[in-house]
Amino acid sequence: AAVPAEIQPVQLAFSGNYALKVTWSDGHNTG
C-alpha cells in the first residue's frame, strides 16, 4: 500500500548475466 500505483522504472541495468537492476520512480534501487 506504500508503493505508488503509478510506480515505474526510471533506469534498467543488467548485473552481469544473472539479474536485472531497477531504479524505481520512488527512488528505490537496491533490489
PDB file of all heavy atoms in Angstrom:
ATOM      1  N   ALA A   1       0.826  -1.206   0.000  1.00  0.00           N
ATOM      2  CA  ALA A   1       0.000   0.000   0.000  1.00  0.00           C
ATOM      3  C   ALA A   1       0.866   1.265   0.000  1.00  0.00           C
ATOM      4  O   ALA A   1       0.395   2.342  -0.382  1.00  0.00           O
ATOM      5  CB  ALA A   1      -0.937   0.008   1.204  1.00  0.00           C
ATOM      6  N   ALA A   2       2.127   1.135   0.403  1.00  0.00           N
ATOM      7  CA  ALA A   2       3.037   2.284   0.437  1.00  0.00           C
ATOM      8  C   ALA A   2       3.694   2.540  -0.922  1.00  0.00           C
ATOM      9  O   ALA A   2       4.351   3.560  -1.112  1.00  0.00           O
ATOM     10  CB  ALA A   2       4.115   2.061   1.499  1.00  0.00           C
ATOM     11  N   VAL A   3       3.510   1.621  -1.868  1.00  0.00           N
ATOM     12  CA  VAL A   3       4.100   1.767  -3.200  1.00  0.00           C
ATOM     13  C   VAL A   3       3.084   2.467  -4.099  1.00  0.00           C
ATOM     14  O   VAL A   3       1.958   1.989  -4.248  1.00  0.00           O
ATOM     15  CB  VAL A   3       4.474   0.386  -3.804  1.00  0.00           C
ATOM     16  CG1 VAL A   3       4.989   0.545  -5.222  1.00  0.00           C
ATOM     17  CG2 VAL A   3       5.491  -0.319  -2.922  1.00  0.00           C
ATOM     18  N   PRO A   4       3.468   3.604  -4.686  1.00  0.00           N
ATOM     19  CA  PRO A   4       2.525   4.324  -5.545  1.00  0.00           C
ATOM     20  C   PRO A   4       2.025   3.457  -6.706  1.00  0.00           C
ATOM     21  O   PRO A   4       2.801   2.718  -7.317  1.00  0.00           O
ATOM     22  CB  PRO A   4       3.346   5.509  -6.083  1.00  0.00           C
ATOM     23  CG  PRO A   4       4.531   5.622  -5.188  1.00  0.00           C
ATOM     24  CD  PRO A   4       4.775   4.250  -4.622  1.00  0.00           C
ATOM     25  N   ALA A   5       0.748   3.551  -7.003  1.00  0.00           N
ATOM     26  CA  ALA A   5       0.159   2.773  -8.092  1.00  0.00           C
ATOM     27  C   ALA A   5       0.818   3.100  -9.429  1.00  0.00           C
ATOM     28  O   ALA A   5       0.917   2.244 -10.304  1.00  0.00           O
ATOM     29  CB  ALA A   5      -1.344   3.023  -8.166  1.00  0.00           C
ATOM     30  N   GLU A   6       1.294   4.329  -9.579  1.00  0.00           N
ATOM     31  CA  GLU A   6       1.894   4.747 -10.849  1.00  0.00           C
ATOM     32  C   GLU A   6       3.406   4.528 -10.900  1.00  0.00           C
ATOM     33  O   GLU A   6       4.101   5.079 -11.754  1.00  0.00           O
ATOM     34  CB  GLU A   6       1.573   6.224 -11.129  1.00  0.00           C
ATOM     35  CG  GLU A   6       2.188   7.203 -10.150  1.00  0.00           C
ATOM     36  CD  GLU A   6       1.431   7.365  -8.831  1.00  0.00           C
ATOM     37  OE1 GLU A   6       0.328   6.803  -8.673  1.00  0.00           O
ATOM     38  OE2 GLU A   6       1.963   8.041  -7.948  1.00  0.00           O
ATOM     39  N   ILE A   7       3.925   3.683 -10.017  1.00  0.00           N
ATOM     40  CA  ILE A   7       5.363   3.382  -9.973  1.00  0.00           C
ATOM     41  C   ILE A   7       5.850   2.943 -11.346  1.00  0.00           C
ATOM     42  O   ILE A   7       5.115   2.280 -12.085  1.00  0.00           O
ATOM     43  CB  ILE A   7       5.661   2.290  -8.914  1.00  0.00           C
ATOM     44  CG1 ILE A   7       7.163   2.183  -8.624  1.00  0.00           C
ATOM     45  CG2 ILE A   7       5.136   0.934  -9.311  1.00  0.00           C
ATOM     46  CD1 ILE A   7       7.650   3.146  -7.628  1.00  0.00           C
ATOM     47  N   GLN A   8       7.060   3.346 -11.696  1.00  0.00           N
ATOM     48  CA  GLN A   8       7.652   2.897 -12.954  1.00  0.00           C
ATOM     49  C   GLN A   8       9.163   2.892 -12.834  1.00  0.00           C
ATOM     50  O   GLN A   8       9.721   3.589 -11.989  1.00  0.00           O
ATOM     51  CB  GLN A   8       7.197   3.757 -14.113  1.00  0.00           C
ATOM     52  CG  GLN A   8       7.612   5.199 -14.037  1.00  0.00           C
ATOM     53  CD  GLN A   8       7.122   5.966 -15.248  1.00  0.00           C
ATOM     54  OE1 GLN A   8       6.959   5.411 -16.332  1.00  0.00           O
ATOM     55  NE2 GLN A   8       6.880   7.240 -15.085  1.00  0.00           N
ATOM     56  N   PRO A   9       9.818   2.110 -13.665  1.00  0.00           N
ATOM     57  CA  PRO A   9      11.276   2.127 -13.651  1.00  0.00           C
ATOM     58  C   PRO A   9      11.779   3.407 -14.316  1.00  0.00           C
ATOM     59  O   PRO A   9      11.205   3.859 -15.307  1.00  0.00           O
ATOM     60  CB  PRO A   9      11.663   0.895 -14.462  1.00  0.00           C
ATOM     61  CG  PRO A   9      10.491   0.637 -15.345  1.00  0.00           C
ATOM     62  CD  PRO A   9       9.284   1.138 -14.616  1.00  0.00           C
ATOM     63  N   VAL A  10      12.834   3.981 -13.736  1.00  0.00           N
ATOM     64  CA  VAL A  10      13.457   5.145 -14.373  1.00  0.00           C
ATOM     65  C   VAL A  10      14.798   4.759 -14.989  1.00  0.00           C
ATOM     66  O   VAL A  10      15.319   5.467 -15.837  1.00  0.00           O
ATOM     67  CB  VAL A  10      13.621   6.338 -13.404  1.00  0.00           C
ATOM     68  CG1 VAL A  10      12.269   6.884 -12.998  1.00  0.00           C
ATOM     69  CG2 VAL A  10      14.433   5.974 -12.189  1.00  0.00           C
ATOM     70  N   GLN A  11      15.344   3.624 -14.538  1.00  0.00           N
ATOM     71  CA  GLN A  11      16.584   3.117 -15.126  1.00  0.00           C
ATOM     72  C   GLN A  11      16.620   1.600 -14.977  1.00  0.00           C
ATOM     73  O   GLN A  11      16.265   1.063 -13.926  1.00  0.00           O
ATOM     74  CB  GLN A  11      17.796   3.728 -14.442  1.00  0.00           C
ATOM     75  CG  GLN A  11      19.106   3.329 -15.075  1.00  0.00           C
ATOM     76  CD  GLN A  11      20.292   4.052 -14.431  1.00  0.00           C
ATOM     77  OE1 GLN A  11      20.141   4.832 -13.514  1.00  0.00           O
ATOM     78  NE2 GLN A  11      21.467   3.773 -14.937  1.00  0.00           N
ATOM     79  N   LEU A  12      17.063   0.924 -16.029  1.00  0.00           N
ATOM     80  CA  LEU A  12      17.240  -0.523 -16.025  1.00  0.00           C
ATOM     81  C   LEU A  12      18.693  -0.815 -16.375  1.00  0.00           C
ATOM     82  O   LEU A  12      19.264  -0.167 -17.250  1.00  0.00           O
ATOM     83  CB  LEU A  12      16.338  -1.192 -17.061  1.00  0.00           C
ATOM     84  CG  LEU A  12      14.835  -0.992 -16.906  1.00  0.00           C
ATOM     85  CD1 LEU A  12      14.106  -1.592 -18.091  1.00  0.00           C
ATOM     86  CD2 LEU A  12      14.348  -1.603 -15.605  1.00  0.00           C
ATOM     87  N   ALA A  13      19.262  -1.792 -15.685  1.00  0.00           N
ATOM     88  CA  ALA A  13      20.635  -2.206 -15.980  1.00  0.00           C
ATOM     89  C   ALA A  13      20.737  -3.692 -15.706  1.00  0.00           C
ATOM     90  O   ALA A  13      20.019  -4.236 -14.861  1.00  0.00           O
ATOM     91  CB  ALA A  13      21.631  -1.436 -15.119  1.00  0.00           C
ATOM     92  N   PHE A  14      21.636  -4.340 -16.417  1.00  0.00           N
ATOM     93  CA  PHE A  14      21.895  -5.753 -16.153  1.00  0.00           C
ATOM     94  C   PHE A  14      23.042  -5.859 -15.169  1.00  0.00           C
ATOM     95  O   PHE A  14      24.002  -5.089 -15.232  1.00  0.00           O
ATOM     96  CB  PHE A  14      22.216  -6.507 -17.447  1.00  0.00           C
ATOM     97  CG  PHE A  14      21.045  -6.594 -18.372  1.00  0.00           C
ATOM     98  CD1 PHE A  14      21.013  -5.874 -19.548  1.00  0.00           C
ATOM     99  CD2 PHE A  14      19.955  -7.385 -18.051  1.00  0.00           C
ATOM    100  CE1 PHE A  14      19.918  -5.936 -20.397  1.00  0.00           C
ATOM    101  CE2 PHE A  14      18.859  -7.453 -18.880  1.00  0.00           C
ATOM    102  CZ  PHE A  14      18.839  -6.728 -20.064  1.00  0.00           C
ATOM    103  N   SER A  15      22.927  -6.783 -14.258  1.00  0.00           N
ATOM    104  CA  SER A  15      24.001  -7.085 -13.320  1.00  0.00           C
ATOM    105  C   SER A  15      24.603  -8.404 -13.782  1.00  0.00           C
ATOM    106  O   SER A  15      24.009  -9.472 -13.582  1.00  0.00           O
ATOM    107  CB  SER A  15      23.451  -7.197 -11.899  1.00  0.00           C
ATOM    108  OG  SER A  15      24.493  -7.394 -10.982  1.00  0.00           O
ATOM    109  N   GLY A  16      25.735  -8.306 -14.451  1.00  0.00           N
ATOM    110  CA  GLY A  16      26.323  -9.500 -15.044  1.00  0.00           C
ATOM    111  C   GLY A  16      25.340 -10.115 -16.017  1.00  0.00           C
ATOM    112  O   GLY A  16      24.594  -9.410 -16.689  1.00  0.00           O
ATOM    113  N   ASN A  17      25.308 -11.436 -16.061  1.00  0.00           N
ATOM    114  CA  ASN A  17      24.339 -12.140 -16.895  1.00  0.00           C
ATOM    115  C   ASN A  17      23.403 -12.946 -16.009  1.00  0.00           C
ATOM    116  O   ASN A  17      23.016 -14.055 -16.331  1.00  0.00           O
ATOM    117  CB  ASN A  17      25.047 -13.056 -17.900  1.00  0.00           C
ATOM    118  CG  ASN A  17      24.088 -13.587 -18.944  1.00  0.00           C
ATOM    119  OD1 ASN A  17      23.082 -12.955 -19.262  1.00  0.00           O
ATOM    120  ND2 ASN A  17      24.372 -14.760 -19.463  1.00  0.00           N
ATOM    121  N   TYR A  18      23.053 -12.362 -14.837  1.00  0.00           N
ATOM    122  CA  TYR A  18      22.206 -13.119 -13.924  1.00  0.00           C
ATOM    123  C   TYR A  18      21.066 -12.319 -13.318  1.00  0.00           C
ATOM    124  O   TYR A  18      20.179 -12.886 -12.679  1.00  0.00           O
ATOM    125  CB  TYR A  18      23.049 -13.725 -12.791  1.00  0.00           C
ATOM    126  CG  TYR A  18      23.525 -12.727 -11.755  1.00  0.00           C
ATOM    127  CD1 TYR A  18      22.815 -12.544 -10.566  1.00  0.00           C
ATOM    128  CD2 TYR A  18      24.661 -11.960 -11.960  1.00  0.00           C
ATOM    129  CE1 TYR A  18      23.239 -11.636  -9.628  1.00  0.00           C
ATOM    130  CE2 TYR A  18      25.095 -11.060 -11.024  1.00  0.00           C
ATOM    131  CZ  TYR A  18      24.374 -10.892  -9.853  1.00  0.00           C
ATOM    132  OH  TYR A  18      24.794  -9.981  -8.921  1.00  0.00           O
ATOM    133  N   ALA A  19      21.021 -10.980 -13.514  1.00  0.00           N
ATOM    134  CA  ALA A  19      19.986 -10.208 -12.833  1.00  0.00           C
ATOM    135  C   ALA A  19      19.712  -8.878 -13.526  1.00  0.00           C
ATOM    136  O   ALA A  19      20.537  -8.345 -14.267  1.00  0.00           O
ATOM    137  CB  ALA A  19      20.395  -9.949 -11.390  1.00  0.00           C
ATOM    138  N   LEU A  20      18.534  -8.354 -13.219  1.00  0.00           N
ATOM    139  CA  LEU A  20      18.111  -7.034 -13.651  1.00  0.00           C
ATOM    140  C   LEU A  20      18.130  -6.118 -12.441  1.00  0.00           C
ATOM    141  O   LEU A  20      17.593  -6.467 -11.382  1.00  0.00           O
ATOM    142  CB  LEU A  20      16.686  -7.109 -14.222  1.00  0.00           C
ATOM    143  CG  LEU A  20      16.041  -5.790 -14.634  1.00  0.00           C
ATOM    144  CD1 LEU A  20      16.750  -5.212 -15.862  1.00  0.00           C
ATOM    145  CD2 LEU A  20      14.561  -6.004 -14.919  1.00  0.00           C
ATOM    146  N   LYS A  21      18.748  -4.963 -12.587  1.00  0.00           N
ATOM    147  CA  LYS A  21      18.750  -3.949 -11.532  1.00  0.00           C
ATOM    148  C   LYS A  21      17.831  -2.827 -11.985  1.00  0.00           C
ATOM    149  O   LYS A  21      17.978  -2.309 -13.089  1.00  0.00           O
ATOM    150  CB  LYS A  21      20.158  -3.421 -11.293  1.00  0.00           C
ATOM    151  CG  LYS A  21      20.217  -2.391 -10.180  1.00  0.00           C
ATOM    152  CD  LYS A  21      21.651  -2.041  -9.851  1.00  0.00           C
ATOM    153  CE  LYS A  21      21.788  -0.970  -8.811  1.00  0.00           C
ATOM    154  NZ  LYS A  21      21.065  -1.142  -7.603  1.00  0.00           N
ATOM    155  N   VAL A  22      16.889  -2.475 -11.124  1.00  0.00           N
ATOM    156  CA  VAL A  22      15.896  -1.461 -11.462  1.00  0.00           C
ATOM    157  C   VAL A  22      16.019  -0.286 -10.496  1.00  0.00           C
ATOM    158  O   VAL A  22      16.069  -0.484  -9.288  1.00  0.00           O
ATOM    159  CB  VAL A  22      14.457  -2.034 -11.372  1.00  0.00           C
ATOM    160  CG1 VAL A  22      13.433  -0.970 -11.752  1.00  0.00           C
ATOM    161  CG2 VAL A  22      14.301  -3.274 -12.236  1.00  0.00           C
ATOM    162  N   THR A  23      16.050   0.911 -11.046  1.00  0.00           N
ATOM    163  CA  THR A  23      15.877   2.118 -10.243  1.00  0.00           C
ATOM    164  C   THR A  23      14.442   2.555 -10.480  1.00  0.00           C
ATOM    165  O   THR A  23      14.027   2.762 -11.630  1.00  0.00           O
ATOM    166  CB  THR A  23      16.850   3.233 -10.669  1.00  0.00           C
ATOM    167  OG1 THR A  23      18.184   2.757 -10.488  1.00  0.00           O
ATOM    168  CG2 THR A  23      16.640   4.488  -9.835  1.00  0.00           C
ATOM    169  N   TRP A  24      13.691   2.634  -9.387  1.00  0.00           N
ATOM    170  CA  TRP A  24      12.259   2.924  -9.465  1.00  0.00           C
ATOM    171  C   TRP A  24      11.982   4.410  -9.264  1.00  0.00           C
ATOM    172  O   TRP A  24      12.777   5.124  -8.658  1.00  0.00           O
ATOM    173  CB  TRP A  24      11.503   2.113  -8.413  1.00  0.00           C
ATOM    174  CG  TRP A  24      11.560   0.644  -8.641  1.00  0.00           C
ATOM    175  CD1 TRP A  24      12.381  -0.257  -8.038  1.00  0.00           C
ATOM    176  CD2 TRP A  24      10.765  -0.110  -9.553  1.00  0.00           C
ATOM    177  NE1 TRP A  24      12.152  -1.519  -8.511  1.00  0.00           N
ATOM    178  CE2 TRP A  24      11.158  -1.461  -9.441  1.00  0.00           C
ATOM    179  CE3 TRP A  24       9.753   0.221 -10.456  1.00  0.00           C
ATOM    180  CZ2 TRP A  24      10.565  -2.473 -10.204  1.00  0.00           C
ATOM    181  CZ3 TRP A  24       9.167  -0.787 -11.204  1.00  0.00           C
ATOM    182  CH2 TRP A  24       9.573  -2.116 -11.068  1.00  0.00           C
ATOM    183  N   SER A  25      10.823   4.847  -9.712  1.00  0.00           N
ATOM    184  CA  SER A  25      10.435   6.252  -9.599  1.00  0.00           C
ATOM    185  C   SER A  25      10.230   6.699  -8.152  1.00  0.00           C
ATOM    186  O   SER A  25      10.206   7.899  -7.884  1.00  0.00           O
ATOM    187  CB  SER A  25       9.174   6.533 -10.426  1.00  0.00           C
ATOM    188  OG  SER A  25       8.109   5.683 -10.064  1.00  0.00           O
ATOM    189  N   ASP A  26      10.132   5.760  -7.211  1.00  0.00           N
ATOM    190  CA  ASP A  26      10.048   6.134  -5.796  1.00  0.00           C
ATOM    191  C   ASP A  26      11.436   6.258  -5.163  1.00  0.00           C
ATOM    192  O   ASP A  26      11.571   6.465  -3.967  1.00  0.00           O
ATOM    193  CB  ASP A  26       9.181   5.149  -5.002  1.00  0.00           C
ATOM    194  CG  ASP A  26       9.752   3.738  -4.912  1.00  0.00           C
ATOM    195  OD1 ASP A  26      10.807   3.463  -5.539  1.00  0.00           O
ATOM    196  OD2 ASP A  26       9.144   2.901  -4.216  1.00  0.00           O
ATOM    197  N   GLY A  27      12.483   6.134  -5.994  1.00  0.00           N
ATOM    198  CA  GLY A  27      13.856   6.273  -5.516  1.00  0.00           C
ATOM    199  C   GLY A  27      14.514   4.974  -5.088  1.00  0.00           C
ATOM    200  O   GLY A  27      15.719   4.927  -4.862  1.00  0.00           O
ATOM    201  N   HIS A  28      13.753   3.907  -4.988  1.00  0.00           N
ATOM    202  CA  HIS A  28      14.308   2.625  -4.549  1.00  0.00           C
ATOM    203  C   HIS A  28      15.178   2.035  -5.663  1.00  0.00           C
ATOM    204  O   HIS A  28      14.783   2.038  -6.826  1.00  0.00           O
ATOM    205  CB  HIS A  28      13.174   1.660  -4.198  1.00  0.00           C
ATOM    206  CG  HIS A  28      13.643   0.393  -3.584  1.00  0.00           C
ATOM    207  ND1 HIS A  28      14.153   0.329  -2.311  1.00  0.00           N
ATOM    208  CD2 HIS A  28      13.696  -0.863  -4.068  1.00  0.00           C
ATOM    209  CE1 HIS A  28      14.485  -0.923  -2.032  1.00  0.00           C
ATOM    210  NE2 HIS A  28      14.226  -1.665  -3.094  1.00  0.00           N
ATOM    211  N   ASN A  29      16.368   1.530  -5.289  1.00  0.00           N
ATOM    212  CA  ASN A  29      17.250   0.986  -6.325  1.00  0.00           C
ATOM    213  C   ASN A  29      18.178  -0.114  -5.816  1.00  0.00           C
ATOM    214  O   ASN A  29      19.196  -0.390  -6.428  1.00  0.00           O
ATOM    215  CB  ASN A  29      18.090   2.101  -6.949  1.00  0.00           C
ATOM    216  CG  ASN A  29      19.084   2.695  -5.965  1.00  0.00           C
ATOM    217  OD1 ASN A  29      19.095   2.362  -4.795  1.00  0.00           O
ATOM    218  ND2 ASN A  29      19.919   3.591  -6.438  1.00  0.00           N
ATOM    219  N   THR A  30      17.834  -0.756  -4.712  1.00  0.00           N
ATOM    220  CA  THR A  30      18.753  -1.749  -4.152  1.00  0.00           C
ATOM    221  C   THR A  30      18.419  -3.189  -4.509  1.00  0.00           C
ATOM    222  O   THR A  30      19.184  -4.085  -4.185  1.00  0.00           O
ATOM    223  CB  THR A  30      18.836  -1.620  -2.615  1.00  0.00           C
ATOM    224  OG1 THR A  30      17.517  -1.749  -2.071  1.00  0.00           O
ATOM    225  CG2 THR A  30      19.429  -0.280  -2.211  1.00  0.00           C
ATOM    226  N   GLY A  31      17.315  -3.417  -5.168  1.00  0.00           N
ATOM    227  CA  GLY A  31      16.932  -4.790  -5.491  1.00  0.00           C
ATOM    228  C   GLY A  31      17.543  -5.294  -6.778  1.00  0.00           C
ATOM    229  O   GLY A  31      17.625  -4.572  -7.763  1.00  0.00           O
TER     230      GLY A  31
END
